Each structure stands twice: as C-alpha cells, then as structure tokens.
C-alpha cells in the first residue's frame, strides 16, 4: 500500500512560470518533483491545493505525493530542502491516510496582497509588492472591502482567460492592514476564480485613488462583466498565506492574519 505524504511549501514565485508544471517555463511543481525523483529514484507526481500564477508567492502551498519508500515523513523536510533551490522550501512534512487529498479536504484559503505606497525606494520589495505612487484613501478601501464579503457571483472579478467554473464564491473576510508604508489586503474565501484576488486588489486600489466607489463595485459585480472592472493587479504582490482544513471561523482567520511572513518588512528604508 503506497504511503501518502503531505508537505507544506513556501516559495518566492518571482522566477517561476507558476506552480503547476507546464511546457513554456520552469514551474515550482517541476522543481519539487525533480527533487523527489532524486530521492525516490522514480518519477513522483505532486498533487497540490492551488495553482498559483507566474510571479505569485506562497507561504502555505499544501501538496501530497505517494511513495512506496520507508523514509519517515518528517525526514522529507530536510531531505527535500537539501536538494531544492533556496527559493523553494518545505516547511512541514506529515503522513496522511492513503485517500487523503488536500484539494478535496481544504475548507478555504487566505491570500494576502501587498502594496508599497509612495516612492519606489525599496529595491528589496519590488518582487513581493505592487509599488503604487499615488496616495490611497484607506478608509474608502476598507468600506469597499465590506461590500465584497459574502456569497456572490464573482464573474466580473474572474480572469478573461479562465476555464469554465462556478462563479459563485463565498468570501468570509476581506480586510486591509497597514504596516508603515505597506498596505496588505487579506482575502479569505472558500475558493477563488482565476485572477480573482488580483482583480479585487486592482479594484480596491481604484477605490483608494478615487476612480471607483464601493457602490461602483456592487454595480460591477451585478453586471457580471469583467470589462467594467479595470486593471488586474501585478502578480508580485500576491501570496497564498494559508490553507484551512478545519472550520473557517473568525477566530481562525484572526490567527492566520497574525502570521508573520519572514520575507516582508514594514516598508521603511531601515525595515
């Protein structure tokens, strides 16, 4: 009977063509599968919870793979990290029942989108944030967060090249936190359409710049027309922060939002 191993991955997605293996560029999945092949001596398929796009990061990409080997599950963390590039790290490795699937059993995800406000004087943040020079009305953006939360048809917030999928999604929580010059948009939901979080981030920045209002976002959502929304925020600011496998409660979300992501500072020159 094959063993089922779950690993939690963190990665800097800047140099990768996304997470899912593809023909036109190096993907994170391919890098991890190559490391597993060196360990197992045979091709190993990695199953994953979220297909992040090119340039998007993750702090908690959950994956599983099967093996007939006898390596203790916890040992995969050090074994894989010894072979992986420094931009991809295994944070945890545990054994699961054979029929366990991270895609079927997860109950939701939290993404965070990071914006650096003001002068672009942070060469160490351009890979992990969208640098917005214009002043942003954070209070207006927070009001717009309130109209995004809930169960809605998010057709207007899906990517133009997305595959057919049920556009109805539930956003449990949408909020903004500021740390120094950094602004972070946290979006927690039961599932997400292609480019959905980046489109939400772009819409909220339009609100912050006075180009749209919270009422406009409600009207655009009702129209079910992506063309009315505006720009898709750049990939660099987006990070998959957490995947839930238990009830997505306000307490659970609050706990996740306290998660420190080591790569990011507070946006100050001496941060």
Foldseek 3Di string as FASTA:
>chain_A
DWWKKKWWKWFQQAQFQWADDDDPTHHVQVQQQVLVCVVQVDGKHKAWADTGGRLATAPGIMIMIIDPDDPAFQVVQVSSVVRGDPRMHTPGMHIDPPPDDLNVQFQKFKKKFKEQEADPPDPLCPSAHHYHHDAFDQVQLFVLQVLPAAWAQQLLQADPPWDDDRSTWGWHGWGWDAFARMIMIMTMTRDDHHLNVQLSVVQSRCRRNVNDGSVQVVVSRVVSHNVSRDDGHDNSRMYGQDIHRDDPDPVNVVVSVVDDDVSDDNNDPVD
